[in-house]
N, C-alpha and C. Protein backbone atom coordinates (compact mmCIF):
# COMPACT_ATOMS: atom_id res chain seq x y z
N MET A 1 127.95 91.17 100.64
CA MET A 1 127.01 90.37 102.25
C MET A 1 126.69 89.28 101.99
N THR A 2 126.71 88.61 103.05
CA THR A 2 126.22 87.32 103.09
C THR A 2 125.11 86.77 102.51
N THR A 3 124.83 85.04 102.16
CA THR A 3 123.72 84.89 101.96
C THR A 3 122.83 84.74 102.94
N THR A 4 122.83 84.93 104.59
CA THR A 4 122.69 84.73 105.93
C THR A 4 122.14 86.26 106.03
N LYS A 5 122.41 87.19 105.82
CA LYS A 5 122.32 88.54 105.60
C LYS A 5 120.94 88.99 104.61
N LEU A 6 121.13 88.45 103.60
CA LEU A 6 119.96 87.98 102.42
C LEU A 6 119.31 87.36 102.96
N ALA A 7 118.94 86.81 103.18
CA ALA A 7 117.97 85.76 103.62
C ALA A 7 116.81 86.42 104.59
N VAL A 8 117.68 87.21 105.78
CA VAL A 8 116.55 87.65 106.56
C VAL A 8 116.73 88.82 106.23
N LEU A 9 117.38 89.62 105.26
CA LEU A 9 116.13 91.15 104.69
C LEU A 9 114.96 90.45 103.89
N ALA A 10 115.02 89.29 102.72
CA ALA A 10 114.20 89.08 101.93
C ALA A 10 113.46 88.68 102.92
N VAL A 11 113.11 87.92 103.99
CA VAL A 11 112.25 88.16 104.93
C VAL A 11 111.04 89.41 105.30
N ALA A 12 112.22 89.83 106.05
CA ALA A 12 111.64 91.22 106.31
C ALA A 12 110.82 92.09 105.58
N ALA A 13 111.56 91.94 104.31
CA ALA A 13 110.81 92.52 103.53
C ALA A 13 109.65 92.00 102.93
N ALA A 14 109.65 90.88 102.65
CA ALA A 14 108.19 90.36 102.49
C ALA A 14 107.60 90.31 103.34
N PHE A 15 107.47 90.48 104.78
CA PHE A 15 106.87 91.03 105.29
C PHE A 15 106.43 92.15 106.24
N ALA A 16 107.09 92.95 105.04
CA ALA A 16 107.46 94.73 105.65
C ALA A 16 107.37 95.28 106.77
N VAL A 17 107.85 94.39 107.86
CA VAL A 17 108.15 94.68 108.36
C VAL A 17 109.93 95.79 108.66
N PRO A 18 109.36 96.82 109.33
CA PRO A 18 110.73 98.28 109.40
C PRO A 18 111.95 97.18 109.43
N ALA A 19 112.88 97.70 109.01
CA ALA A 19 113.98 97.23 108.84
C ALA A 19 115.19 97.23 110.63
N TYR A 20 114.91 98.25 111.33
CA TYR A 20 114.66 98.34 112.64
C TYR A 20 114.48 97.47 113.48
N ALA A 21 113.38 96.66 113.29
CA ALA A 21 112.34 96.20 113.89
C ALA A 21 113.14 94.39 113.59
N GLN A 22 113.85 94.08 112.68
CA GLN A 22 114.35 92.33 112.45
C GLN A 22 114.70 91.59 113.45
N MET A 23 114.35 90.25 114.11
CA MET A 23 115.36 90.02 115.24
C MET A 23 116.14 90.41 114.60
N SER A 24 116.97 90.34 116.14
CA SER A 24 118.51 90.85 116.18
C SER A 24 119.45 88.74 115.54
N ILE A 25 119.97 88.57 115.63
CA ILE A 25 120.99 87.41 115.04
C ILE A 25 122.29 87.81 115.27
N PRO A 26 122.80 87.48 116.80
CA PRO A 26 124.22 87.75 116.75
C PRO A 26 125.21 87.52 115.58
N GLY A 27 126.06 88.41 115.54
CA GLY A 27 126.81 88.38 113.96
C GLY A 27 126.05 88.62 112.85
N VAL A 28 125.22 88.23 112.59
CA VAL A 28 124.06 88.39 111.20
C VAL A 28 123.27 89.85 111.37
N THR A 29 122.72 90.44 112.25
CA THR A 29 121.59 91.86 112.06
C THR A 29 122.48 92.70 112.41
N LYS A 30 122.00 94.03 112.55
CA LYS A 30 122.34 94.99 113.41
C LYS A 30 121.12 95.74 112.96
N THR A 31 120.44 95.15 114.94
CA THR A 31 119.18 97.02 114.53
C THR A 31 120.18 98.07 114.65
N LYS A 32 118.95 99.08 114.46
CA LYS A 32 119.65 100.35 115.06
C LYS A 32 118.53 101.01 115.79
N GLU A 33 118.63 101.39 116.50
CA GLU A 33 118.06 101.94 117.92
C GLU A 33 117.00 103.53 116.76
N VAL A 34 115.08 103.50 116.97
CA VAL A 34 115.08 104.39 116.40
C VAL A 34 114.99 105.22 117.39
N GLU A 35 114.34 106.57 116.50
CA GLU A 35 114.38 107.65 117.88
C GLU A 35 112.79 107.74 118.42
N LYS A 36 111.81 108.17 117.45
CA LYS A 36 110.71 107.71 117.04
C LYS A 36 110.15 107.32 116.01
N LEU A 37 108.92 106.64 116.84
CA LEU A 37 108.05 105.47 115.01
C LEU A 37 107.29 106.71 115.25
N SER A 38 107.05 106.44 113.39
CA SER A 38 106.85 107.46 112.87
C SER A 38 104.85 106.87 112.06
N LYS A 39 104.17 107.71 111.65
CA LYS A 39 102.86 107.21 111.64
C LYS A 39 102.95 106.05 110.25
N SER A 40 103.95 106.38 110.07
CA SER A 40 104.13 104.78 109.06
C SER A 40 104.64 104.21 109.19
N ASP A 41 105.20 104.17 110.10
CA ASP A 41 105.76 102.54 110.53
C ASP A 41 105.03 102.12 111.63
N ILE A 42 104.20 102.47 112.49
CA ILE A 42 103.08 102.18 113.33
C ILE A 42 101.97 101.78 111.61
N SER A 43 102.05 102.03 111.51
CA SER A 43 100.90 100.99 110.03
C SER A 43 101.63 100.40 109.69
N LYS A 44 102.95 99.94 109.32
CA LYS A 44 103.76 98.62 108.82
C LYS A 44 103.27 97.87 110.07
N GLU A 45 103.69 98.38 110.99
CA GLU A 45 103.24 96.99 111.87
C GLU A 45 101.42 96.77 112.59
N MET A 46 100.63 97.03 111.80
CA MET A 46 99.48 97.43 112.14
C MET A 46 98.56 96.36 111.31
N VAL A 47 99.77 95.98 110.51
CA VAL A 47 98.97 94.61 109.27
C VAL A 47 98.91 93.34 110.29
N PHE A 48 100.36 93.31 111.45
CA PHE A 48 99.49 92.08 112.61
C PHE A 48 98.75 92.90 113.26
N LYS A 49 98.13 93.46 113.16
CA LYS A 49 96.58 93.17 114.34
C LYS A 49 95.49 93.22 113.86
N LYS A 50 95.15 93.28 112.71
CA LYS A 50 94.16 93.24 111.69
C LYS A 50 93.13 92.44 112.28
N GLY A 51 94.02 90.59 112.77
CA GLY A 51 93.38 89.97 112.79
C GLY A 51 92.67 90.06 114.30
N ASP A 52 92.96 91.02 115.57
CA ASP A 52 92.23 92.00 116.58
C ASP A 52 91.30 92.31 116.40
N ILE A 53 91.62 93.52 115.47
CA ILE A 53 90.44 94.40 114.93
C ILE A 53 89.32 92.60 114.23
N ASP A 54 88.90 92.66 113.52
CA ASP A 54 88.51 91.11 112.72
C ASP A 54 87.20 90.65 114.16
N LYS A 55 88.61 90.43 114.74
CA LYS A 55 87.33 89.51 116.58
C LYS A 55 86.67 90.06 116.67
N CYS A 56 86.82 92.02 116.59
CA CYS A 56 86.61 92.87 117.37
C CYS A 56 84.92 92.72 116.71
N LYS A 57 85.29 92.87 115.68
CA LYS A 57 83.88 93.51 114.64
C LYS A 57 82.99 92.10 114.78
N ASP A 58 83.63 90.94 114.42
CA ASP A 58 82.83 89.43 114.93
C ASP A 58 82.39 89.90 116.16
N GLU A 59 82.63 90.33 117.09
CA GLU A 59 81.61 89.57 118.47
C GLU A 59 81.17 90.64 119.05
N ALA A 60 81.71 92.20 118.29
CA ALA A 60 80.06 93.66 117.94
C ALA A 60 79.15 92.70 117.50
N LYS A 61 79.00 92.25 116.71
CA LYS A 61 78.08 91.84 115.40
C LYS A 61 76.62 90.91 115.75
N LYS A 62 78.07 89.99 117.16
CA LYS A 62 76.35 89.27 117.89
C LYS A 62 75.75 89.81 118.85
N LYS A 63 76.62 90.86 119.23
CA LYS A 63 75.94 91.86 120.39
C LYS A 63 75.05 92.73 119.67
N GLU A 64 75.12 93.18 118.86
CA GLU A 64 74.73 94.96 117.88
C GLU A 64 74.84 94.40 116.58
N PRO A 65 73.68 93.76 116.12
CA PRO A 65 73.62 93.78 114.51
C PRO A 65 73.61 94.54 113.66
N LYS A 66 72.46 95.62 114.10
CA LYS A 66 72.20 96.40 113.77
C LYS A 66 73.42 97.58 113.59
N VAL A 67 73.94 97.80 114.23
CA VAL A 67 74.99 99.18 114.50
C VAL A 67 76.33 99.00 112.66
N SER A 68 76.41 99.72 113.00
CA SER A 68 77.57 99.27 111.58
C SER A 68 78.15 100.78 111.25
N GLY A 69 78.65 101.41 110.58
CA GLY A 69 79.29 102.41 110.48
C GLY A 69 81.20 102.24 109.96
N ASN A 70 81.98 103.73 110.76
CA ASN A 70 83.41 103.97 110.99
C ASN A 70 83.32 104.27 112.35
N MET A 71 84.83 103.55 112.88
CA MET A 71 85.62 103.74 114.17
C MET A 71 86.72 104.33 114.01
N ALA A 72 86.98 105.09 114.61
CA ALA A 72 88.34 106.15 115.00
C ALA A 72 88.42 105.86 116.11
N ALA A 73 89.88 105.45 116.60
CA ALA A 73 90.30 104.93 117.56
C ALA A 73 92.87 105.33 117.45
N ARG A 74 92.42 106.36 118.57
CA ARG A 74 93.61 107.01 118.49
C ARG A 74 94.10 106.66 119.65
N PHE A 75 95.78 106.82 119.49
CA PHE A 75 96.78 105.83 120.44
C PHE A 75 98.00 106.66 120.38
N LYS A 76 98.54 106.34 121.02
CA LYS A 76 100.18 106.24 121.28
C LYS A 76 101.03 105.47 121.02
N VAL A 77 102.25 105.36 120.94
CA VAL A 77 103.09 104.29 121.65
C VAL A 77 104.09 104.39 122.17
N ASN A 78 104.33 104.37 123.31
CA ASN A 78 105.19 104.58 124.81
C ASN A 78 107.15 103.27 123.96
N THR A 79 107.76 104.21 124.48
CA THR A 79 108.91 104.12 124.73
C THR A 79 109.64 102.31 124.71
N ASP A 80 108.79 101.99 124.94
CA ASP A 80 108.95 100.57 125.49
C ASP A 80 108.03 99.79 124.55
N GLY A 81 107.21 100.19 123.62
CA GLY A 81 106.46 100.19 123.15
C GLY A 81 104.99 99.47 123.16
N THR A 82 104.75 100.06 124.30
CA THR A 82 103.25 99.97 124.60
C THR A 82 102.30 100.34 124.45
N THR A 83 100.57 100.85 123.91
CA THR A 83 100.40 101.54 123.13
C THR A 83 99.80 102.34 125.18
N THR A 84 99.30 103.92 124.80
CA THR A 84 98.81 104.70 125.74
C THR A 84 97.60 105.91 125.35
N ASP A 85 97.13 106.67 125.94
CA ASP A 85 96.12 107.61 125.45
C ASP A 85 94.91 107.06 124.40
N ILE A 86 94.80 105.71 124.55
CA ILE A 86 93.83 105.03 124.13
C ILE A 86 92.15 105.86 124.08
N THR A 87 92.23 106.10 123.01
CA THR A 87 90.69 106.92 122.95
C THR A 87 89.88 106.60 121.80
N ILE A 88 88.31 105.92 121.94
CA ILE A 88 87.81 106.13 120.80
C ILE A 88 87.92 107.47 120.57
N VAL A 89 87.25 107.65 119.29
CA VAL A 89 86.61 109.57 119.04
C VAL A 89 85.57 109.39 118.62
N ASP A 90 84.65 108.78 118.72
CA ASP A 90 83.73 108.65 118.13
C ASP A 90 82.27 108.35 119.98
N THR A 91 82.02 109.38 120.39
CA THR A 91 82.26 109.08 121.94
C THR A 91 80.53 108.67 121.88
N LYS A 92 79.44 108.64 120.83
CA LYS A 92 78.40 107.77 121.13
C LYS A 92 78.84 106.10 120.43
N LEU A 93 79.57 105.68 120.21
CA LEU A 93 80.61 104.54 119.97
C LEU A 93 81.82 104.21 121.12
N GLN A 94 81.56 104.81 121.78
CA GLN A 94 82.92 104.62 122.74
C GLN A 94 82.36 103.30 123.73
N SER A 95 81.17 103.13 124.03
CA SER A 95 81.02 101.50 125.35
C SER A 95 80.44 101.13 124.59
N SER A 96 79.73 101.15 122.86
CA SER A 96 80.23 99.84 122.16
C SER A 96 80.53 98.92 122.68
N ALA A 97 79.59 97.42 121.65
CA ALA A 97 80.66 96.49 122.02
C ALA A 97 82.18 96.78 120.97
N PHE A 98 82.30 96.67 119.92
CA PHE A 98 83.11 97.16 119.25
C PHE A 98 84.12 98.06 119.63
N GLY A 99 83.49 99.65 120.62
CA GLY A 99 84.51 100.30 120.57
C GLY A 99 85.30 99.52 121.97
N THR A 100 84.39 99.05 122.99
CA THR A 100 84.88 98.41 123.87
C THR A 100 86.42 97.24 124.58
N CYS A 101 85.78 96.75 122.90
CA CYS A 101 86.24 95.68 122.31
C CYS A 101 88.05 96.34 122.01
N LEU A 102 88.06 96.80 120.74
CA LEU A 102 88.61 97.39 120.06
C LEU A 102 89.88 98.04 121.64
N SER A 103 89.82 98.75 122.02
CA SER A 103 90.20 99.98 123.09
C SER A 103 90.57 98.86 123.57
N ASN A 104 90.36 97.74 124.12
CA ASN A 104 91.02 97.07 125.30
C ASN A 104 92.00 95.89 124.06
N LYS A 105 91.38 95.25 122.87
CA LYS A 105 93.04 94.62 122.67
C LYS A 105 94.15 95.52 122.42
N ILE A 106 93.92 97.22 121.88
CA ILE A 106 94.43 98.44 121.55
C ILE A 106 95.74 98.64 123.01
N LYS A 107 94.64 97.97 124.17
CA LYS A 107 96.25 98.24 125.78
C LYS A 107 96.82 96.75 125.60
N GLY A 108 96.68 95.84 124.60
CA GLY A 108 97.29 95.12 124.92
C GLY A 108 98.38 94.79 123.69
N TRP A 109 98.73 95.80 122.86
CA TRP A 109 99.53 96.04 121.64
C TRP A 109 100.43 96.59 121.57
N THR A 110 102.04 95.33 121.32
CA THR A 110 102.50 96.15 121.36
C THR A 110 103.58 96.16 120.21
N PHE A 111 104.37 97.75 119.92
CA PHE A 111 104.92 98.04 119.20
C PHE A 111 106.90 98.30 118.88
N THR A 112 107.49 98.50 118.31
CA THR A 112 108.95 98.62 118.18
C THR A 112 108.46 99.67 119.72
N LYS A 113 110.66 98.99 119.99
CA LYS A 113 110.64 100.11 121.20
C LYS A 113 111.43 101.26 120.18
N ALA A 114 110.79 102.88 120.73
CA ALA A 114 111.88 103.98 120.35
C ALA A 114 112.38 104.73 121.50
N LYS A 115 113.06 105.69 121.24
CA LYS A 115 113.84 106.25 122.50
C LYS A 115 112.74 107.80 122.90
N GLN A 116 111.88 108.42 121.81
CA GLN A 116 110.21 108.87 122.18
C GLN A 116 109.53 108.23 122.11
N LYS A 117 108.85 108.88 123.06
CA LYS A 117 106.77 108.25 122.54
C LYS A 117 106.50 108.76 121.19
N SER A 118 105.68 107.93 120.12
CA SER A 118 105.25 108.55 119.36
C SER A 118 103.95 109.89 119.52
N ASP A 119 103.77 110.31 118.05
CA ASP A 119 102.54 111.23 118.29
C ASP A 119 101.59 110.58 118.23
N SER A 120 100.29 110.85 117.87
CA SER A 120 99.15 110.54 118.22
C SER A 120 98.85 109.46 117.14
N TYR A 121 98.09 108.02 116.72
CA TYR A 121 97.28 107.08 116.20
C TYR A 121 96.75 107.40 115.49
N ASP A 122 96.02 107.71 114.18
CA ASP A 122 94.50 107.21 114.00
C ASP A 122 94.34 106.00 113.58
N LEU A 123 93.41 105.06 114.17
CA LEU A 123 93.21 103.70 113.88
C LEU A 123 91.69 104.24 112.92
N VAL A 124 91.22 104.12 111.61
CA VAL A 124 89.84 104.24 111.30
C VAL A 124 89.84 103.13 110.33
N THR A 125 87.88 102.13 111.02
CA THR A 125 88.35 100.91 111.11
C THR A 125 86.33 100.64 110.20
N THR A 126 86.37 99.96 109.60
CA THR A 126 84.57 99.80 109.07
C THR A 126 84.12 98.86 109.91
N PHE A 127 82.87 98.84 110.33
CA PHE A 127 81.74 97.69 110.11
C PHE A 127 80.71 97.75 110.61
């Protein structure tokens, strides 16, 4: 294995990026097309979405300082990596500042492309 390939793999491992999601560098990396994103695959990519979740928490605390608890959002990932079927599981929190913000953030998220749409992924967070 060349030094360049080792460097690319080391960077990918350091950031917990799935092997199939590595940046494609002609002649250096080969990405395999994944059949379907697993919950584990999505969880690994969720590391990069934490900033969006934290922003929603901060905004919600300003608008509704007394609201706290757990929030569960459910979504799927399309074959093109975009999100779909987004729901806030707790109906009392769907129209809350946090629920609205989180739902809007999830709509803009992208994940690794796959041949098949993913199963539902549940994101649970405390605020």
